[in-house]
Structures are given as C-alpha cells and as structure tokens.
Amino acid sequence: MVQGRGSADLVLVNMAAVLCLMVLAGHVHAATYTVGGSGGWTLNVDSWPKGKRFKAGDTLFTYDPTIHNVVAVNRGGYSSCITPAGARVYKSGKDQIKLSKGQNFFICNVAGAL
C-alpha cells in the first residue's frame, strides 16, 4: 500500500502530540513539600524525608525567616555546615526551591540558628 504526503504529516503531528504529553506529564507529577511538615523547618527534621520520593522538579521549603534562611550548598558545604562562596541564599520564608536532578543539599547559615 502506497501512502501519500498526508500520511507523513499525520505521523509528524501524532509524534509532536506524544512529545508534548510527555513533557506535560513531567510537570503534572511534580510535588510541593513543606520541609518538616506542618511544623516547618526546625530542629530534628531528620526523619521528615523518610518515606518520601523526591524527584527533579519537586518544590521545597517554607520556613520562619526571622530565625532561618535556606542556603543551597554542595555536599562539602552540607557536611561542614559552611556556606561555600557563591552559594544561593534564600531569605523570604516562602521560597519555592525547585529540586534539580541528583542530590540537593541545604543548610541554614543564620548565626545562632540550630
């Protein structure tokens, strides 16, 4: 069976539609999390992530900006709890921080905050 130009156009339109759906599906499944749950980001939130499956595109954080900030750091900054030069610092308390692919590390560098 010989197919004409119209069939090729239809195939391209269908492929484009499938690609659009795949892109949209990735955005639809992104989740938003308040770190620490209803209590927010405080001491002893180590157990809060247990049972959650974070993905690139998920959004994190709400915190009390009078006592905390959020600093996006690398593994070394997290392990040493030291803010590396050029690290992104969030201060509003209502920041929406989108997770990137791979591991993401955050600290608070407000003096006296534990």
PDB file of N, CA and C in Angstrom:
ATOM      1  N   MET A   1       0.847  -1.162   0.000  1.00  0.00           N
ATOM      2  CA  MET A   1       0.000   0.000   0.000  1.00  0.00           C
ATOM      3  C   MET A   1       0.898   1.232   0.000  1.00  0.00           C
ATOM      4  N   VAL A   2       0.654   2.159  -0.901  1.00  0.00           N
ATOM      5  CA  VAL A   2       1.421   3.388  -1.021  1.00  0.00           C
ATOM      6  C   VAL A   2       0.738   4.476  -0.201  1.00  0.00           C
ATOM      7  N   GLN A   3       1.551   5.171   0.626  1.00  0.00           N
ATOM      8  CA  GLN A   3       0.996   6.260   1.435  1.00  0.00           C
ATOM      9  C   GLN A   3       1.418   7.578   0.829  1.00  0.00           C
ATOM     10  N   GLY A   4       0.518   8.530   0.851  1.00  0.00           N
ATOM     11  CA  GLY A   4       0.819   9.848   0.296  1.00  0.00           C
ATOM     12  C   GLY A   4       1.373  10.781   1.358  1.00  0.00           C
ATOM     13  N   ARG A   5       1.603  12.017   0.976  1.00  0.00           N
ATOM     14  CA  ARG A   5       2.170  13.053   1.839  1.00  0.00           C
ATOM     15  C   ARG A   5       1.312  13.293   3.080  1.00  0.00           C
ATOM     16  N   GLY A   6       0.006  13.185   2.947  1.00  0.00           N
ATOM     17  CA  GLY A   6      -0.892  13.410   4.071  1.00  0.00           C
ATOM     18  C   GLY A   6      -0.631  12.467   5.230  1.00  0.00           C
ATOM     19  N   SER A   7      -0.280  11.233   4.933  1.00  0.00           N
ATOM     20  CA  SER A   7       0.002  10.251   5.976  1.00  0.00           C
ATOM     21  C   SER A   7       1.268  10.623   6.745  1.00  0.00           C
ATOM     22  N   ALA A   8       2.276  11.110   6.051  1.00  0.00           N
ATOM     23  CA  ALA A   8       3.520  11.524   6.705  1.00  0.00           C
ATOM     24  C   ALA A   8       3.258  12.714   7.618  1.00  0.00           C
ATOM     25  N   ASP A   9       2.429  13.644   7.182  1.00  0.00           N
ATOM     26  CA  ASP A   9       2.092  14.801   8.013  1.00  0.00           C
ATOM     27  C   ASP A   9       1.356  14.354   9.269  1.00  0.00           C
ATOM     28  N   LEU A  10       0.459  13.402   9.127  1.00  0.00           N
ATOM     29  CA  LEU A  10      -0.297  12.893  10.261  1.00  0.00           C
ATOM     30  C   LEU A  10       0.627  12.223  11.271  1.00  0.00           C
ATOM     31  N   VAL A  11       1.608  11.476  10.778  1.00  0.00           N
ATOM     32  CA  VAL A  11       2.571  10.829  11.664  1.00  0.00           C
ATOM     33  C   VAL A  11       3.356  11.886  12.440  1.00  0.00           C
ATOM     34  N   LEU A  12       3.800  12.941  11.773  1.00  0.00           N
ATOM     35  CA  LEU A  12       4.544  14.012  12.451  1.00  0.00           C
ATOM     36  C   LEU A  12       3.689  14.713  13.506  1.00  0.00           C
ATOM     37  N   VAL A  13       2.432  14.968  13.184  1.00  0.00           N
ATOM     38  CA  VAL A  13       1.527  15.610  14.148  1.00  0.00           C
ATOM     39  C   VAL A  13       1.335  14.711  15.361  1.00  0.00           C
ATOM     40  N   ASN A  14       1.153  13.411  15.130  1.00  0.00           N
ATOM     41  CA  ASN A  14       0.985  12.474  16.245  1.00  0.00           C
ATOM     42  C   ASN A  14       2.244  12.406  17.103  1.00  0.00           C
ATOM     43  N   MET A  15       3.418  12.390  16.482  1.00  0.00           N
ATOM     44  CA  MET A  15       4.675  12.360  17.240  1.00  0.00           C
ATOM     45  C   MET A  15       4.821  13.624  18.080  1.00  0.00           C
ATOM     46  N   ALA A  16       4.488  14.777  17.502  1.00  0.00           N
ATOM     47  CA  ALA A  16       4.577  16.036  18.238  1.00  0.00           C
ATOM     48  C   ALA A  16       3.619  16.026  19.425  1.00  0.00           C
ATOM     49  N   ALA A  17       2.424  15.494  19.235  1.00  0.00           N
ATOM     50  CA  ALA A  17       1.445  15.429  20.322  1.00  0.00           C
ATOM     51  C   ALA A  17       1.946  14.536  21.448  1.00  0.00           C
ATOM     52  N   VAL A  18       2.536  13.398  21.112  1.00  0.00           N
ATOM     53  CA  VAL A  18       3.067  12.490  22.127  1.00  0.00           C
ATOM     54  C   VAL A  18       4.200  13.162  22.892  1.00  0.00           C
ATOM     55  N   LEU A  19       5.098  13.853  22.211  1.00  0.00           N
ATOM     56  CA  LEU A  19       6.186  14.562  22.888  1.00  0.00           C
ATOM     57  C   LEU A  19       5.648  15.627  23.839  1.00  0.00           C
ATOM     58  N   CYS A  20       4.643  16.371  23.404  1.00  0.00           N
ATOM     59  CA  CYS A  20       4.034  17.395  24.269  1.00  0.00           C
ATOM     60  C   CYS A  20       3.434  16.758  25.511  1.00  0.00           C
ATOM     61  N   LEU A  21       2.754  15.648  25.348  1.00  0.00           N
ATOM     62  CA  LEU A  21       2.164  14.959  26.500  1.00  0.00           C
ATOM     63  C   LEU A  21       3.241  14.466  27.454  1.00  0.00           C
ATOM     64  N   MET A  22       4.350  13.983  26.921  1.00  0.00           N
ATOM     65  CA  MET A  22       5.441  13.509  27.775  1.00  0.00           C
ATOM     66  C   MET A  22       6.018  14.666  28.587  1.00  0.00           C
ATOM     67  N   VAL A  23       6.198  15.813  27.968  1.00  0.00           N
ATOM     68  CA  VAL A  23       6.722  16.990  28.671  1.00  0.00           C
ATOM     69  C   VAL A  23       5.737  17.431  29.738  1.00  0.00           C
ATOM     70  N   LEU A  24       4.470  17.524  29.401  1.00  0.00           N
ATOM     71  CA  LEU A  24       3.457  17.943  30.361  1.00  0.00           C
ATOM     72  C   LEU A  24       3.325  16.951  31.503  1.00  0.00           C
ATOM     73  N   ALA A  25       3.438  15.688  31.242  1.00  0.00           N
ATOM     74  CA  ALA A  25       3.314  14.671  32.281  1.00  0.00           C
ATOM     75  C   ALA A  25       4.393  14.853  33.339  1.00  0.00           C
ATOM     76  N   GLY A  26       5.588  15.260  32.923  1.00  0.00           N
ATOM     77  CA  GLY A  26       6.660  15.500  33.882  1.00  0.00           C
ATOM     78  C   GLY A  26       6.331  16.648  34.823  1.00  0.00           C
ATOM     79  N   HIS A  27       5.657  17.666  34.320  1.00  0.00           N
ATOM     80  CA  HIS A  27       5.296  18.808  35.155  1.00  0.00           C
ATOM     81  C   HIS A  27       4.094  18.504  36.034  1.00  0.00           C
ATOM     82  N   VAL A  28       3.184  17.709  35.565  1.00  0.00           N
ATOM     83  CA  VAL A  28       1.988  17.387  36.322  1.00  0.00           C
ATOM     84  C   VAL A  28       2.340  16.606  37.579  1.00  0.00           C
ATOM     85  N   HIS A  29       3.356  15.780  37.534  1.00  0.00           N
ATOM     86  CA  HIS A  29       3.685  14.907  38.650  1.00  0.00           C
ATOM     87  C   HIS A  29       4.624  15.558  39.666  1.00  0.00           C
ATOM     88  N   ALA A  30       5.083  16.763  39.439  1.00  0.00           N
ATOM     89  CA  ALA A  30       5.950  17.430  40.401  1.00  0.00           C
ATOM     90  C   ALA A  30       5.149  17.737  41.655  1.00  0.00           C
ATOM     91  N   ALA A  31       5.777  17.599  42.814  1.00  0.00           N
ATOM     92  CA  ALA A  31       5.102  17.816  44.093  1.00  0.00           C
ATOM     93  C   ALA A  31       5.709  19.018  44.801  1.00  0.00           C
ATOM     94  N   THR A  32       4.959  19.593  45.717  1.00  0.00           N
ATOM     95  CA  THR A  32       5.440  20.684  46.555  1.00  0.00           C
ATOM     96  C   THR A  32       5.427  20.206  48.003  1.00  0.00           C
ATOM     97  N   TYR A  33       6.555  20.381  48.695  1.00  0.00           N
ATOM     98  CA  TYR A  33       6.705  19.921  50.064  1.00  0.00           C
ATOM     99  C   TYR A  33       7.060  21.083  50.981  1.00  0.00           C
ATOM    100  N   THR A  34       6.452  21.093  52.167  1.00  0.00           N
ATOM    101  CA  THR A  34       6.874  21.989  53.237  1.00  0.00           C
ATOM    102  C   THR A  34       7.857  21.191  54.075  1.00  0.00           C
ATOM    103  N   VAL A  35       9.118  21.584  54.057  1.00  0.00           N
ATOM    104  CA  VAL A  35      10.137  20.829  54.773  1.00  0.00           C
ATOM    105  C   VAL A  35       9.810  20.828  56.261  1.00  0.00           C
ATOM    106  N   GLY A  36       9.801  19.635  56.853  1.00  0.00           N
ATOM    107  CA  GLY A  36       9.468  19.481  58.262  1.00  0.00           C
ATOM    108  C   GLY A  36       7.983  19.283  58.498  1.00  0.00           C
ATOM    109  N   GLY A  37       7.169  19.360  57.451  1.00  0.00           N
ATOM    110  CA  GLY A  37       5.726  19.198  57.606  1.00  0.00           C
ATOM    111  C   GLY A  37       5.085  20.462  58.139  1.00  0.00           C
ATOM    112  N   SER A  38       3.996  20.311  58.863  1.00  0.00           N
ATOM    113  CA  SER A  38       3.248  21.480  59.337  1.00  0.00           C
ATOM    114  C   SER A  38       4.061  22.335  60.300  1.00  0.00           C
ATOM    115  N   GLY A  39       5.045  21.737  60.981  1.00  0.00           N
ATOM    116  CA  GLY A  39       5.892  22.494  61.900  1.00  0.00           C
ATOM    117  C   GLY A  39       6.977  23.295  61.205  1.00  0.00           C
ATOM    118  N   GLY A  40       7.179  23.060  59.913  1.00  0.00           N
ATOM    119  CA  GLY A  40       8.202  23.786  59.161  1.00  0.00           C
ATOM    120  C   GLY A  40       9.598  23.264  59.439  1.00  0.00           C
ATOM    121  N   TRP A  41      10.566  23.988  58.900  1.00  0.00           N
ATOM    122  CA  TRP A  41      11.970  23.589  59.012  1.00  0.00           C
ATOM    123  C   TRP A  41      12.490  24.004  60.374  1.00  0.00           C
ATOM    124  N   THR A  42      12.701  23.040  61.255  1.00  0.00           N
ATOM    125  CA  THR A  42      13.191  23.296  62.600  1.00  0.00           C
ATOM    126  C   THR A  42      14.224  22.245  62.947  1.00  0.00           C
ATOM    127  N   LEU A  43      14.572  22.168  64.210  1.00  0.00           N
ATOM    128  CA  LEU A  43      15.471  21.110  64.667  1.00  0.00           C
ATOM    129  C   LEU A  43      14.799  19.758  64.499  1.00  0.00           C
ATOM    130  N   ASN A  44      15.602  18.751  64.369  1.00  0.00           N
ATOM    131  CA  ASN A  44      15.127  17.372  64.341  1.00  0.00           C
ATOM    132  C   ASN A  44      14.144  17.068  63.213  1.00  0.00           C
ATOM    133  N   VAL A  45      14.411  17.539  62.015  1.00  0.00           N
ATOM    134  CA  VAL A  45      13.582  17.170  60.870  1.00  0.00           C
ATOM    135  C   VAL A  45      14.239  16.035  60.083  1.00  0.00           C
ATOM    136  N   ASP A  46      15.231  15.390  60.691  1.00  0.00           N
ATOM    137  CA  ASP A  46      15.947  14.310  60.010  1.00  0.00           C
ATOM    138  C   ASP A  46      15.020  13.195  59.552  1.00  0.00           C
ATOM    139  N   SER A  47      13.982  12.908  60.316  1.00  0.00           N
ATOM    140  CA  SER A  47      13.093  11.806  59.955  1.00  0.00           C
ATOM    141  C   SER A  47      12.024  12.237  58.944  1.00  0.00           C
ATOM    142  N   TRP A  48      11.841  13.525  58.750  1.00  0.00           N
ATOM    143  CA  TRP A  48      10.782  14.015  57.862  1.00  0.00           C
ATOM    144  C   TRP A  48      10.864  13.452  56.441  1.00  0.00           C
ATOM    145  N   PRO A  49      12.038  13.342  55.814  1.00  0.00           N
ATOM    146  CA  PRO A  49      12.082  12.827  54.434  1.00  0.00           C
ATOM    147  C   PRO A  49      11.776  11.342  54.300  1.00  0.00           C
ATOM    148  N   LYS A  50      11.824  10.588  55.395  1.00  0.00           N
ATOM    149  CA  LYS A  50      11.620   9.143  55.301  1.00  0.00           C
ATOM    150  C   LYS A  50      10.258   8.836  54.675  1.00  0.00           C
ATOM    151  N   GLY A  51      10.272   7.956  53.686  1.00  0.00           N
ATOM    152  CA  GLY A  51       9.049   7.553  53.011  1.00  0.00           C
ATOM    153  C   GLY A  51       8.640   8.453  51.857  1.00  0.00           C
ATOM    154  N   LYS A  52       9.348   9.545  51.656  1.00  0.00           N
ATOM    155  CA  LYS A  52       9.036  10.446  50.538  1.00  0.00           C
ATOM    156  C   LYS A  52       9.982  10.143  49.377  1.00  0.00           C
ATOM    157  N   ARG A  53       9.484  10.260  48.170  1.00  0.00           N
ATOM    158  CA  ARG A  53      10.299  10.044  46.977  1.00  0.00           C
ATOM    159  C   ARG A  53      10.387  11.359  46.223  1.00  0.00           C
ATOM    160  N   PHE A  54      11.464  12.087  46.443  1.00  0.00           N
ATOM    161  CA  PHE A  54      11.664  13.380  45.794  1.00  0.00           C
ATOM    162  C   PHE A  54      12.168  13.178  44.379  1.00  0.00           C
ATOM    163  N   LYS A  55      11.748  14.061  43.470  1.00  0.00           N
ATOM    164  CA  LYS A  55      12.173  13.988  42.076  1.00  0.00           C
ATOM    165  C   LYS A  55      12.603  15.380  41.620  1.00  0.00           C
ATOM    166  N   ALA A  56      13.415  15.405  40.575  1.00  0.00           N
ATOM    167  CA  ALA A  56      13.756  16.682  39.946  1.00  0.00           C
ATOM    168  C   ALA A  56      12.445  17.355  39.545  1.00  0.00           C
ATOM    169  N   GLY A  57      12.340  18.629  39.846  1.00  0.00           N
ATOM    170  CA  GLY A  57      11.128  19.376  39.541  1.00  0.00           C
ATOM    171  C   GLY A  57      10.225  19.570  40.740  1.00  0.00           C
ATOM    172  N   ASP A  58      10.386  18.731  41.790  1.00  0.00           N
ATOM    173  CA  ASP A  58       9.623  18.950  43.014  1.00  0.00           C
ATOM    174  C   ASP A  58      10.068  20.266  43.647  1.00  0.00           C
ATOM    175  N   THR A  59       9.191  20.860  44.431  1.00  0.00           N
ATOM    176  CA  THR A  59       9.470  22.147  45.058  1.00  0.00           C
ATOM    177  C   THR A  59       9.453  21.987  46.570  1.00  0.00           C
ATOM    178  N   LEU A  60      10.421  22.623  47.232  1.00  0.00           N
ATOM    179  CA  LEU A  60      10.581  22.522  48.681  1.00  0.00           C
ATOM    180  C   LEU A  60      10.547  23.883  49.367  1.00  0.00           C
ATOM    181  N   PHE A  61      10.279  23.834  50.652  1.00  0.00           N
ATOM    182  CA  PHE A  61      10.518  24.850  51.656  1.00  0.00           C
ATOM    183  C   PHE A  61       9.417  25.843  51.953  1.00  0.00           C
ATOM    184  N   THR A  62       9.240  26.022  53.207  1.00  0.00           N
ATOM    185  CA  THR A  62       8.579  27.132  53.873  1.00  0.00           C
ATOM    186  C   THR A  62       9.261  27.148  55.231  1.00  0.00           C
ATOM    187  N   TYR A  63       9.628  28.302  55.714  1.00  0.00           N
ATOM    188  CA  TYR A  63      10.347  28.388  56.986  1.00  0.00           C
ATOM    189  C   TYR A  63      10.115  29.764  57.584  1.00  0.00           C
ATOM    190  N   ASP A  64      10.452  29.904  58.844  1.00  0.00           N
ATOM    191  CA  ASP A  64      10.303  31.179  59.542  1.00  0.00           C
ATOM    192  C   ASP A  64      11.533  32.036  59.252  1.00  0.00           C
ATOM    193  N   PRO A  65      11.396  33.096  58.444  1.00  0.00           N
ATOM    194  CA  PRO A  65      12.566  33.888  58.053  1.00  0.00           C
ATOM    195  C   PRO A  65      13.147  34.740  59.186  1.00  0.00           C
ATOM    196  N   THR A  66      12.470  34.816  60.321  1.00  0.00           N
ATOM    197  CA  THR A  66      13.043  35.565  61.447  1.00  0.00           C
ATOM    198  C   THR A  66      14.103  34.750  62.179  1.00  0.00           C
ATOM    199  N   ILE A  67      14.108  33.421  61.949  1.00  0.00           N
ATOM    200  CA  ILE A  67      15.114  32.600  62.627  1.00  0.00           C
ATOM    201  C   ILE A  67      15.904  31.693  61.683  1.00  0.00           C
ATOM    202  N   HIS A  68      15.472  31.594  60.423  1.00  0.00           N
ATOM    203  CA  HIS A  68      16.158  30.712  59.474  1.00  0.00           C
ATOM    204  C   HIS A  68      16.282  31.361  58.100  1.00  0.00           C
ATOM    205  N   ASN A  69      17.187  30.812  57.311  1.00  0.00           N
ATOM    206  CA  ASN A  69      17.237  31.025  55.874  1.00  0.00           C
ATOM    207  C   ASN A  69      17.530  29.664  55.257  1.00  0.00           C
ATOM    208  N   VAL A  70      17.611  29.597  53.970  1.00  0.00           N
ATOM    209  CA  VAL A  70      17.960  28.347  53.299  1.00  0.00           C
ATOM    210  C   VAL A  70      19.094  28.652  52.341  1.00  0.00           C
ATOM    211  N   VAL A  71      20.140  27.864  52.438  1.00  0.00           N
ATOM    212  CA  VAL A  71      21.292  28.032  51.560  1.00  0.00           C
ATOM    213  C   VAL A  71      21.463  26.731  50.773  1.00  0.00           C
ATOM    214  N   ALA A  72      21.426  26.838  49.459  1.00  0.00           N
ATOM    215  CA  ALA A  72      21.670  25.677  48.597  1.00  0.00           C
ATOM    216  C   ALA A  72      23.180  25.484  48.518  1.00  0.00           C
ATOM    217  N   VAL A  73      23.648  24.327  48.958  1.00  0.00           N
ATOM    218  CA  VAL A  73      25.086  24.067  49.027  1.00  0.00           C
ATOM    219  C   VAL A  73      25.416  22.753  48.325  1.00  0.00           C
ATOM    220  N   ASN A  74      26.712  22.513  48.181  1.00  0.00           N
ATOM    221  CA  ASN A  74      27.178  21.234  47.657  1.00  0.00           C
ATOM    222  C   ASN A  74      27.355  20.266  48.830  1.00  0.00           C
ATOM    223  N   ARG A  75      27.758  19.041  48.535  1.00  0.00           N
ATOM    224  CA  ARG A  75      27.932  18.034  49.590  1.00  0.00           C
ATOM    225  C   ARG A  75      28.925  18.510  50.658  1.00  0.00           C
ATOM    226  N   GLY A  76      30.027  19.121  50.228  1.00  0.00           N
ATOM    227  CA  GLY A  76      31.023  19.598  51.185  1.00  0.00           C
ATOM    228  C   GLY A  76      30.470  20.682  52.108  1.00  0.00           C
ATOM    229  N   GLY A  77      29.698  21.606  51.541  1.00  0.00           N
ATOM    230  CA  GLY A  77      29.080  22.652  52.353  1.00  0.00           C
ATOM    231  C   GLY A  77      28.094  22.073  53.353  1.00  0.00           C
ATOM    232  N   TYR A  78      27.377  21.035  52.930  1.00  0.00           N
ATOM    233  CA  TYR A  78      26.427  20.380  53.831  1.00  0.00           C
ATOM    234  C   TYR A  78      27.167  19.651  54.948  1.00  0.00           C
ATOM    235  N   SER A  79      28.195  18.877  54.594  1.00  0.00           N
ATOM    236  CA  SER A  79      28.933  18.089  55.586  1.00  0.00           C
ATOM    237  C   SER A  79      29.623  18.971  56.607  1.00  0.00           C
ATOM    238  N   SER A  80      30.158  20.109  56.151  1.00  0.00           N
ATOM    239  CA  SER A  80      30.882  21.001  57.061  1.00  0.00           C
ATOM    240  C   SER A  80      29.992  22.091  57.655  1.00  0.00           C
ATOM    241  N   CYS A  81      28.769  22.202  57.135  1.00  0.00           N
ATOM    242  CA  CYS A  81      27.823  23.254  57.533  1.00  0.00           C
ATOM    243  C   CYS A  81      28.449  24.637  57.341  1.00  0.00           C
ATOM    244  N   ILE A  82      29.150  24.783  56.220  1.00  0.00           N
ATOM    245  CA  ILE A  82      29.782  26.051  55.857  1.00  0.00           C
ATOM    246  C   ILE A  82      29.267  26.458  54.487  1.00  0.00           C
ATOM    247  N   THR A  83      28.903  27.726  54.344  1.00  0.00           N
ATOM    248  CA  THR A  83      28.381  28.241  53.085  1.00  0.00           C
ATOM    249  C   THR A  83      29.525  28.464  52.100  1.00  0.00           C
ATOM    250  N   PRO A  84      29.558  27.738  51.000  1.00  0.00           N
ATOM    251  CA  PRO A  84      30.598  27.957  50.003  1.00  0.00           C
ATOM    252  C   PRO A  84      30.409  29.303  49.298  1.00  0.00           C
ATOM    253  N   ALA A  85      31.486  29.866  48.796  1.00  0.00           N
ATOM    254  CA  ALA A  85      31.402  31.117  48.045  1.00  0.00           C
ATOM    255  C   ALA A  85      30.451  30.937  46.873  1.00  0.00           C
ATOM    256  N   GLY A  86      29.589  31.901  46.660  1.00  0.00           N
ATOM    257  CA  GLY A  86      28.670  31.870  45.537  1.00  0.00           C
ATOM    258  C   GLY A  86      27.408  31.053  45.754  1.00  0.00           C
ATOM    259  N   ALA A  87      27.227  30.506  46.959  1.00  0.00           N
ATOM    260  CA  ALA A  87      26.030  29.704  47.225  1.00  0.00           C
ATOM    261  C   ALA A  87      24.787  30.586  47.181  1.00  0.00           C
ATOM    262  N   ARG A  88      23.680  30.033  46.716  1.00  0.00           N
ATOM    263  CA  ARG A  88      22.411  30.756  46.640  1.00  0.00           C
ATOM    264  C   ARG A  88      21.761  30.767  48.017  1.00  0.00           C
ATOM    265  N   VAL A  89      21.434  31.962  48.521  1.00  0.00           N
ATOM    266  CA  VAL A  89      20.816  32.117  49.840  1.00  0.00           C
ATOM    267  C   VAL A  89      19.384  32.609  49.652  1.00  0.00           C
ATOM    268  N   TYR A  90      18.438  31.901  50.258  1.00  0.00           N
ATOM    269  CA  TYR A  90      17.018  32.262  50.211  1.00  0.00           C
ATOM    270  C   TYR A  90      16.617  32.812  51.569  1.00  0.00           C
ATOM    271  N   LYS A  91      15.839  33.903  51.584  1.00  0.00           N
ATOM    272  CA  LYS A  91      15.554  34.573  52.852  1.00  0.00           C
ATOM    273  C   LYS A  91      14.092  34.907  53.100  1.00  0.00           C
ATOM    274  N   SER A  92      13.203  34.679  52.151  1.00  0.00           N
ATOM    275  CA  SER A  92      11.828  35.163  52.294  1.00  0.00           C
ATOM    276  C   SER A  92      10.959  34.324  53.224  1.00  0.00           C
ATOM    277  N   GLY A  93      11.283  33.042  53.396  1.00  0.00           N
ATOM    278  CA  GLY A  93      10.448  32.157  54.184  1.00  0.00           C
ATOM    279  C   GLY A  93       9.395  31.456  53.345  1.00  0.00           C
ATOM    280  N   LYS A  94       9.137  31.979  52.172  1.00  0.00           N
ATOM    281  CA  LYS A  94       8.142  31.380  51.283  1.00  0.00           C
ATOM    282  C   LYS A  94       8.771  31.011  49.938  1.00  0.00           C
ATOM    283  N   ASP A  95      10.075  30.794  49.956  1.00  0.00           N
ATOM    284  CA  ASP A  95      10.789  30.449  48.733  1.00  0.00           C
ATOM    285  C   ASP A  95      10.296  29.126  48.184  1.00  0.00           C
ATOM    286  N   GLN A  96      10.207  29.044  46.902  1.00  0.00           N
ATOM    287  CA  GLN A  96       9.838  27.815  46.217  1.00  0.00           C
ATOM    288  C   GLN A  96      11.081  27.334  45.488  1.00  0.00           C
ATOM    289  N   ILE A  97      11.778  26.395  46.072  1.00  0.00           N
ATOM    290  CA  ILE A  97      13.055  25.932  45.551  1.00  0.00           C
ATOM    291  C   ILE A  97      12.836  24.628  44.794  1.00  0.00           C
ATOM    292  N   LYS A  98      13.060  24.680  43.485  1.00  0.00           N
ATOM    293  CA  LYS A  98      12.839  23.515  42.635  1.00  0.00           C
ATOM    294  C   LYS A  98      14.070  22.621  42.687  1.00  0.00           C
ATOM    295  N   LEU A  99      13.846  21.343  42.958  1.00  0.00           N
ATOM    296  CA  LEU A  99      14.946  20.384  43.023  1.00  0.00           C
ATOM    297  C   LEU A  99      15.495  20.113  41.631  1.00  0.00           C
ATOM    298  N   SER A 100      16.819  20.034  41.558  1.00  0.00           N
ATOM    299  CA  SER A 100      17.456  19.670  40.297  1.00  0.00           C
ATOM    300  C   SER A 100      17.737  18.167  40.319  1.00  0.00           C
ATOM    301  N   LYS A 101      18.107  17.623  39.185  1.00  0.00           N
ATOM    302  CA  LYS A 101      18.402  16.201  39.094  1.00  0.00           C
ATOM    303  C   LYS A 101      19.617  15.880  39.953  1.00  0.00           C
ATOM    304  N   GLY A 102      19.598  14.765  40.641  1.00  0.00           N
ATOM    305  CA  GLY A 102      20.696  14.367  41.516  1.00  0.00           C
ATOM    306  C   GLY A 102      20.420  14.788  42.946  1.00  0.00           C
ATOM    307  N   GLN A 103      21.446  14.769  43.767  1.00  0.00           N
ATOM    308  CA  GLN A 103      21.286  15.135  45.167  1.00  0.00           C
ATOM    309  C   GLN A 103      21.280  16.645  45.324  1.00  0.00           C
ATOM    310  N   ASN A 104      20.447  17.140  46.228  1.00  0.00           N
ATOM    311  CA  ASN A 104      20.343  18.555  46.543  1.00  0.00           C
ATOM    312  C   ASN A 104      20.620  18.701  48.036  1.00  0.00           C
ATOM    313  N   PHE A 105      21.426  19.683  48.408  1.00  0.00           N
ATOM    314  CA  PHE A 105      21.798  19.875  49.808  1.00  0.00           C
ATOM    315  C   PHE A 105      21.453  21.302  50.234  1.00  0.00           C
ATOM    316  N   PHE A 106      20.945  21.428  51.471  1.00  0.00           N
ATOM    317  CA  PHE A 106      20.553  22.726  52.011  1.00  0.00           C
ATOM    318  C   PHE A 106      20.994  22.847  53.457  1.00  0.00           C
ATOM    319  N   ILE A 107      21.385  24.050  53.838  1.00  0.00           N
ATOM    320  CA  ILE A 107      21.700  24.360  55.225  1.00  0.00           C
ATOM    321  C   ILE A 107      21.071  25.702  55.568  1.00  0.00           C
ATOM    322  N   CYS A 108      21.068  26.037  56.839  1.00  0.00           N
ATOM    323  CA  CYS A 108      20.709  27.363  57.326  1.00  0.00           C
ATOM    324  C   CYS A 108      22.000  27.978  57.835  1.00  0.00           C
ATOM    325  N   ASN A 109      22.293  29.229  57.461  1.00  0.00           N
ATOM    326  CA  ASN A 109      23.525  29.843  57.962  1.00  0.00           C
ATOM    327  C   ASN A 109      23.262  31.079  58.819  1.00  0.00           C
ATOM    328  N   VAL A 110      22.069  31.159  59.397  1.00  0.00           N
ATOM    329  CA  VAL A 110      21.754  32.263  60.312  1.00  0.00           C
ATOM    330  C   VAL A 110      22.496  31.996  61.617  1.00  0.00           C
ATOM    331  N   ALA A 111      23.267  32.982  62.082  1.00  0.00           N
ATOM    332  CA  ALA A 111      24.028  32.833  63.313  1.00  0.00           C
ATOM    333  C   ALA A 111      23.098  32.529  64.481  1.00  0.00           C
ATOM    334  N   GLY A 112      23.424  31.491  65.236  1.00  0.00           N
ATOM    335  CA  GLY A 112      22.627  31.115  66.407  1.00  0.00           C
ATOM    336  C   GLY A 112      21.488  30.179  66.105  1.00  0.00           C
ATOM    337  N   ALA A 113      21.130  29.996  64.847  1.00  0.00           N
ATOM    338  CA  ALA A 113      20.053  29.060  64.496  1.00  0.00           C
ATOM    339  C   ALA A 113      20.599  27.651  64.587  1.00  0.00           C
ATOM    340  N   LEU A 114      19.852  26.781  65.155  1.00  0.00           N
ATOM    341  CA  LEU A 114      20.302  25.385  65.267  1.00  0.00           C
ATOM    342  C   LEU A 114      19.508  24.509  64.370  1.00  0.00           C
TER     343      LEU A 114
END
